Amino acid sequence: MLTIGEFSRLGRVSPRMLRYYDAFGLLCPEAVGENGYRYYRQEQLARLLKLQRLQGYGFSLAEVKELLKLNEEALLQRLHRRRLDAHYEIYRQQERLRRLEADILQMEGTSMLQDKYEVILMPDPEQTVFGIRRTVPVAKFHDLFQELWGELANRGLEQAGPIQMLYHSEEFDYENADVEVQAVVKPGPNAKIKPAYDLCATVLHKGPYDGLPRAYEALASWMAQHPEYRICGPAIDRYLNDPDATPPEELATGVLFPLEKC
């Protein structure tokens, strides 16, 4: 048996926190002496380390208490969900930082968005495409593109233009995005026609894909200044070069908002 001091040193946690864990029902001492001294078994270190890891992942103590009751399979599912939440938190923080930087520069007399992006109005012709539509979390977008490549090969379809992603969701949902990945192809099995749009508001984003929200912000700013237009179709990310053969700083992505007059 270990005294609370010895257990504290081994687990690198203060005796005060151990008492708090006890009061919360997370980690109770094996025995309490008549003098009130608390004693722990060395095997309880494993539970201590596990609950500390779960805390470190951002779970509240109430959540940790429930997680410790789960079997490994159920716990793994919760950890996958927490990983997605963490990615979303990072995304939101990055977006907050980008907006903050843009506002600072604009207040200093420089509009970062206007300098970086020029909104062009242009038609988008119909295309022969093969597509895969799924409702997936953002973290699974890469897997969806891999599935697209595999299906193109399986069906013997010949690519004849860029890869693109269409966002069909009416609102942004990080975990349940209704998206479609498409490849422009020559006519073949299960190919279809993507309809033409008479008018699109378009910007060209140059650089890594994690900067694409800035392009969307530029388009949203333009839309706010032009209420005579409204969006009439899914937003499109059109990847104009191969990410596997292009340095991140040289990637080129067209972002298109199909429009119609109000």
Protein backbone atom coordinates (compact mmCIF):
# COMPACT_ATOMS: atom_id res chain seq x y z
CA MET A 1 0.00 0.00 0.00
CA LEU A 2 1.14 3.52 -0.77
CA THR A 3 0.53 6.61 1.32
CA ILE A 4 -1.15 9.51 -0.44
CA GLY A 5 2.24 11.25 -0.55
CA GLU A 6 3.95 8.28 -2.20
CA PHE A 7 1.08 7.84 -4.65
CA SER A 8 1.20 11.56 -5.38
CA ARG A 9 4.91 11.43 -6.24
CA LEU A 10 4.53 8.39 -8.49
CA GLY A 11 1.53 9.83 -10.33
CA ARG A 12 2.90 13.38 -10.45
CA VAL A 13 -0.35 14.79 -9.12
CA SER A 14 -0.88 16.82 -5.95
CA PRO A 15 -2.48 15.27 -2.85
CA ARG A 16 -5.09 18.02 -3.10
CA MET A 17 -6.08 16.82 -6.57
CA LEU A 18 -6.20 13.22 -5.34
CA ARG A 19 -8.63 14.27 -2.62
CA TYR A 20 -10.70 16.05 -5.27
CA TYR A 21 -10.74 12.91 -7.44
CA ASP A 22 -11.89 10.96 -4.39
CA ALA A 23 -14.70 13.42 -3.60
CA PHE A 24 -15.79 13.30 -7.25
CA GLY A 25 -15.84 9.49 -7.26
CA LEU A 26 -13.11 9.19 -9.88
CA LEU A 27 -10.35 7.57 -7.87
CA CYS A 28 -10.99 6.51 -4.30
CA PRO A 29 -8.24 5.30 -1.94
CA GLU A 30 -8.08 1.60 -1.23
CA ALA A 31 -8.26 2.26 2.48
CA VAL A 32 -8.58 5.12 4.94
CA GLY A 33 -6.95 4.69 8.35
CA GLU A 34 -8.53 5.61 11.66
CA ASN A 35 -6.28 8.66 11.63
CA GLY A 36 -7.77 9.72 8.26
CA TYR A 37 -4.67 8.81 6.25
CA ARG A 38 -5.42 7.60 2.73
CA TYR A 39 -3.72 4.56 1.21
CA TYR A 40 -3.62 3.48 -2.42
CA ARG A 41 -2.66 0.31 -4.23
CA GLN A 42 0.14 0.67 -6.75
CA GLU A 43 -2.18 -0.86 -9.40
CA GLN A 44 -4.41 2.23 -9.08
CA LEU A 45 -1.73 4.22 -10.89
CA ALA A 46 -3.07 2.83 -14.17
CA ARG A 47 -6.51 4.35 -13.49
CA LEU A 48 -4.92 7.64 -12.45
CA LEU A 49 -2.89 7.85 -15.65
CA LYS A 50 -5.93 7.00 -17.75
CA LEU A 51 -8.15 9.66 -16.21
CA GLN A 52 -5.36 12.24 -16.54
CA ARG A 53 -5.02 11.40 -20.25
CA LEU A 54 -8.76 11.78 -20.73
CA GLN A 55 -8.67 15.12 -18.95
CA GLY A 56 -5.82 16.16 -21.21
CA TYR A 57 -7.98 15.39 -24.26
CA GLY A 58 -10.40 18.09 -23.12
CA PHE A 59 -13.06 15.96 -21.41
CA SER A 60 -14.68 17.40 -18.29
CA LEU A 61 -14.40 15.46 -15.03
CA ALA A 62 -18.06 14.50 -15.34
CA GLU A 63 -17.35 13.09 -18.81
CA VAL A 64 -14.21 11.33 -17.58
CA LYS A 65 -16.23 9.64 -14.87
CA GLU A 66 -18.56 8.16 -17.47
CA LEU A 67 -15.76 7.29 -19.88
CA LEU A 68 -13.94 5.24 -17.26
CA LYS A 69 -16.98 2.95 -17.12
CA LEU A 70 -16.85 2.13 -20.84
CA ASN A 71 -15.27 -0.89 -22.47
CA GLU A 72 -12.42 -0.35 -24.90
CA GLU A 73 -14.62 -0.42 -28.02
CA ALA A 74 -17.07 2.18 -26.69
CA LEU A 75 -14.23 4.35 -25.40
CA LEU A 76 -12.52 4.24 -28.78
CA GLN A 77 -15.68 5.60 -30.44
CA ARG A 78 -15.78 8.49 -27.98
CA LEU A 79 -12.11 9.24 -28.63
CA HIS A 80 -12.73 9.34 -32.39
CA ARG A 81 -15.55 11.82 -31.76
CA ARG A 82 -13.30 13.93 -29.53
CA ARG A 83 -10.63 13.97 -32.25
CA LEU A 84 -13.15 15.39 -34.73
CA ASP A 85 -14.20 17.98 -32.17
CA ALA A 86 -10.56 18.94 -31.66
CA HIS A 87 -10.07 19.40 -35.42
CA TYR A 88 -13.15 21.62 -35.49
CA GLU A 89 -11.86 23.66 -32.55
CA ILE A 90 -8.56 24.19 -34.39
CA TYR A 91 -10.47 25.19 -37.53
CA ARG A 92 -12.55 27.72 -35.59
CA GLN A 93 -9.46 29.19 -33.93
CA GLN A 94 -7.71 29.51 -37.29
CA GLU A 95 -10.77 31.21 -38.74
CA ARG A 96 -10.95 33.56 -35.77
CA LEU A 97 -7.29 34.44 -36.21
CA ARG A 98 -7.69 35.06 -39.95
CA ARG A 99 -10.67 37.36 -39.38
CA LEU A 100 -8.79 39.19 -36.64
CA GLU A 101 -5.77 39.74 -38.89
CA ALA A 102 -7.98 40.90 -41.76
CA ASP A 103 -9.82 43.38 -39.54
CA ILE A 104 -6.56 44.74 -38.12
CA LEU A 105 -5.12 45.30 -41.59
CA GLN A 106 -8.34 46.86 -42.83
CA MET A 107 -8.45 49.23 -39.86
CA GLU A 108 -4.85 50.16 -40.61
CA GLY A 109 -5.89 51.12 -44.13
CA THR A 110 -5.15 47.90 -46.00
CA SER A 111 -7.87 45.45 -47.04
CA MET A 112 -6.14 42.10 -47.12
CA LEU A 113 -9.05 40.40 -48.90
CA GLN A 114 -9.33 42.98 -51.65
CA ASP A 115 -5.58 42.88 -52.21
CA LYS A 116 -5.46 39.10 -52.41
CA TYR A 117 -8.66 38.21 -54.28
CA GLU A 118 -10.34 39.66 -57.34
CA VAL A 119 -13.95 38.57 -57.76
CA ILE A 120 -14.74 37.81 -61.41
CA LEU A 121 -18.21 37.19 -62.84
CA MET A 122 -18.17 34.46 -65.46
CA PRO A 123 -20.28 31.58 -66.81
CA ASP A 124 -19.49 27.99 -65.94
CA PRO A 125 -20.15 25.60 -68.87
CA GLU A 126 -21.70 22.17 -68.51
CA GLN A 127 -19.25 19.35 -67.89
CA THR A 128 -19.23 15.59 -68.26
CA VAL A 129 -18.32 14.34 -64.80
CA PHE A 130 -18.18 11.26 -62.62
CA GLY A 131 -19.01 12.01 -59.01
CA ILE A 132 -19.40 10.44 -55.59
CA ARG A 133 -21.74 12.14 -53.12
CA ARG A 134 -21.54 11.40 -49.41
CA THR A 135 -22.43 12.94 -46.06
CA VAL A 136 -19.15 12.81 -44.17
CA PRO A 137 -17.13 14.78 -41.59
CA VAL A 138 -14.58 17.22 -42.94
CA ALA A 139 -11.81 14.96 -41.66
CA LYS A 140 -12.93 12.30 -44.19
CA PHE A 141 -12.69 14.51 -47.30
CA HIS A 142 -9.31 13.02 -48.22
CA ASP A 143 -10.76 9.49 -48.06
CA LEU A 144 -13.53 10.57 -50.41
CA PHE A 145 -11.03 11.72 -53.02
CA GLN A 146 -9.18 8.40 -52.71
CA GLU A 147 -12.49 6.60 -53.33
CA LEU A 148 -13.03 8.76 -56.41
CA TRP A 149 -9.61 7.85 -57.85
CA GLY A 150 -10.33 4.17 -57.27
CA GLU A 151 -13.72 4.32 -58.99
CA LEU A 152 -12.27 6.13 -62.01
CA ALA A 153 -9.74 3.32 -62.40
CA ASN A 154 -12.33 0.57 -61.84
CA ARG A 155 -14.68 1.99 -64.47
CA GLY A 156 -11.96 2.79 -66.98
CA LEU A 157 -12.94 6.45 -67.06
CA GLU A 158 -10.45 8.87 -68.60
CA GLN A 159 -10.00 12.17 -66.85
CA ALA A 160 -10.49 15.17 -69.14
CA GLY A 161 -10.39 18.09 -66.71
CA PRO A 162 -9.98 19.08 -63.08
CA ILE A 163 -11.12 17.46 -59.86
CA GLN A 164 -13.66 19.48 -57.90
CA MET A 165 -15.80 19.38 -54.77
CA LEU A 166 -19.40 20.57 -54.58
CA TYR A 167 -20.96 21.56 -51.25
CA HIS A 168 -24.63 20.60 -51.23
CA SER A 169 -25.38 21.30 -47.55
CA GLU A 170 -27.65 24.27 -46.90
CA GLU A 171 -25.56 25.14 -43.84
CA PHE A 172 -22.04 24.34 -42.71
CA ASP A 173 -21.78 21.18 -40.63
CA TYR A 174 -18.27 20.07 -39.77
CA GLU A 175 -19.30 16.51 -38.92
CA ASN A 176 -22.07 15.93 -41.48
CA ALA A 177 -21.10 17.73 -44.67
CA ASP A 178 -23.16 16.83 -47.74
CA VAL A 179 -20.45 16.98 -50.41
CA GLU A 180 -19.75 15.57 -53.84
CA VAL A 181 -16.31 14.98 -55.31
CA GLN A 182 -16.21 15.03 -59.10
CA ALA A 183 -13.73 14.46 -61.88
CA VAL A 184 -14.28 15.93 -65.32
CA VAL A 185 -14.12 12.90 -67.63
CA LYS A 186 -14.69 11.75 -71.15
CA PRO A 187 -18.11 10.07 -71.67
CA GLY A 188 -18.19 6.62 -70.10
CA PRO A 189 -19.92 4.34 -67.55
CA ASN A 190 -21.99 6.30 -64.98
CA ALA A 191 -20.70 9.65 -66.20
CA LYS A 192 -23.27 12.44 -66.00
CA ILE A 193 -23.67 16.04 -67.08
CA LYS A 194 -23.06 18.78 -64.54
CA PRO A 195 -25.34 21.60 -65.67
CA ALA A 196 -24.03 24.92 -66.89
CA TYR A 197 -24.40 28.06 -64.82
CA ASP A 198 -24.98 31.30 -66.67
CA LEU A 199 -23.14 33.29 -64.03
CA CYS A 200 -20.72 32.56 -61.19
CA ALA A 201 -18.85 34.80 -58.77
CA THR A 202 -15.34 33.37 -58.84
CA VAL A 203 -12.02 33.93 -57.10
CA LEU A 204 -8.69 32.19 -57.56
CA HIS A 205 -6.97 31.02 -54.39
CA LYS A 206 -3.22 30.43 -54.62
CA GLY A 207 -1.51 28.50 -51.85
CA PRO A 208 -2.27 25.68 -49.40
CA TYR A 209 -5.82 24.42 -49.11
CA ASP A 210 -6.07 25.43 -45.45
CA GLY A 211 -6.20 29.03 -46.69
CA LEU A 212 -9.40 28.45 -48.70
CA PRO A 213 -11.67 29.95 -46.00
CA ARG A 214 -10.09 33.30 -46.87
CA ALA A 215 -11.34 32.93 -50.44
CA TYR A 216 -14.83 32.17 -49.13
CA GLU A 217 -14.64 35.21 -46.88
CA ALA A 218 -13.74 37.37 -49.89
CA LEU A 219 -16.72 36.03 -51.84
CA ALA A 220 -19.02 36.51 -48.85
CA SER A 221 -17.81 40.11 -48.55
CA TRP A 222 -18.54 40.66 -52.26
CA MET A 223 -22.01 39.13 -51.89
CA ALA A 224 -22.74 41.48 -48.99
CA GLN A 225 -21.98 44.41 -51.30
CA HIS A 226 -24.10 43.04 -54.17
CA PRO A 227 -27.56 42.14 -52.80
CA GLU A 228 -28.90 42.06 -56.36
CA TYR A 229 -27.47 38.53 -56.66
CA ARG A 230 -28.25 35.34 -54.78
CA ILE A 231 -26.60 31.91 -54.80
CA CYS A 232 -28.52 29.37 -56.89
CA GLY A 233 -26.37 26.23 -56.67
CA PRO A 234 -23.71 24.45 -54.62
CA ALA A 235 -20.41 26.22 -54.01
CA ILE A 236 -17.56 24.61 -55.94
CA ASP A 237 -13.89 24.16 -55.14
CA ARG A 238 -12.11 23.45 -58.44
CA TYR A 239 -8.56 22.12 -58.01
CA LEU A 240 -6.56 23.36 -60.95
CA ASN A 241 -3.32 21.43 -60.38
CA ASP A 242 -2.21 18.16 -58.84
CA PRO A 243 -1.50 18.45 -55.07
CA ASP A 244 0.80 15.40 -55.26
CA ALA A 245 3.03 17.09 -57.85
CA THR A 246 2.70 20.76 -56.84
CA PRO A 247 4.37 22.60 -53.95
CA PRO A 248 1.73 23.85 -51.48
CA GLU A 249 2.53 27.51 -52.16
CA GLU A 250 1.85 26.95 -55.90
CA LEU A 251 -1.50 25.20 -55.57
CA ALA A 252 -4.30 26.93 -57.48
CA THR A 253 -7.98 26.53 -56.56
CA GLY A 254 -10.95 28.21 -58.16
CA VAL A 255 -13.89 28.90 -55.83
CA LEU A 256 -17.21 29.42 -57.59
CA PHE A 257 -20.59 30.63 -56.31
CA PRO A 258 -23.35 30.04 -58.93
CA LEU A 259 -25.54 33.18 -59.06
CA GLU A 260 -28.83 34.44 -60.33
CA LYS A 261 -30.38 37.90 -60.26
CA CYS A 262 -32.83 38.48 -57.44
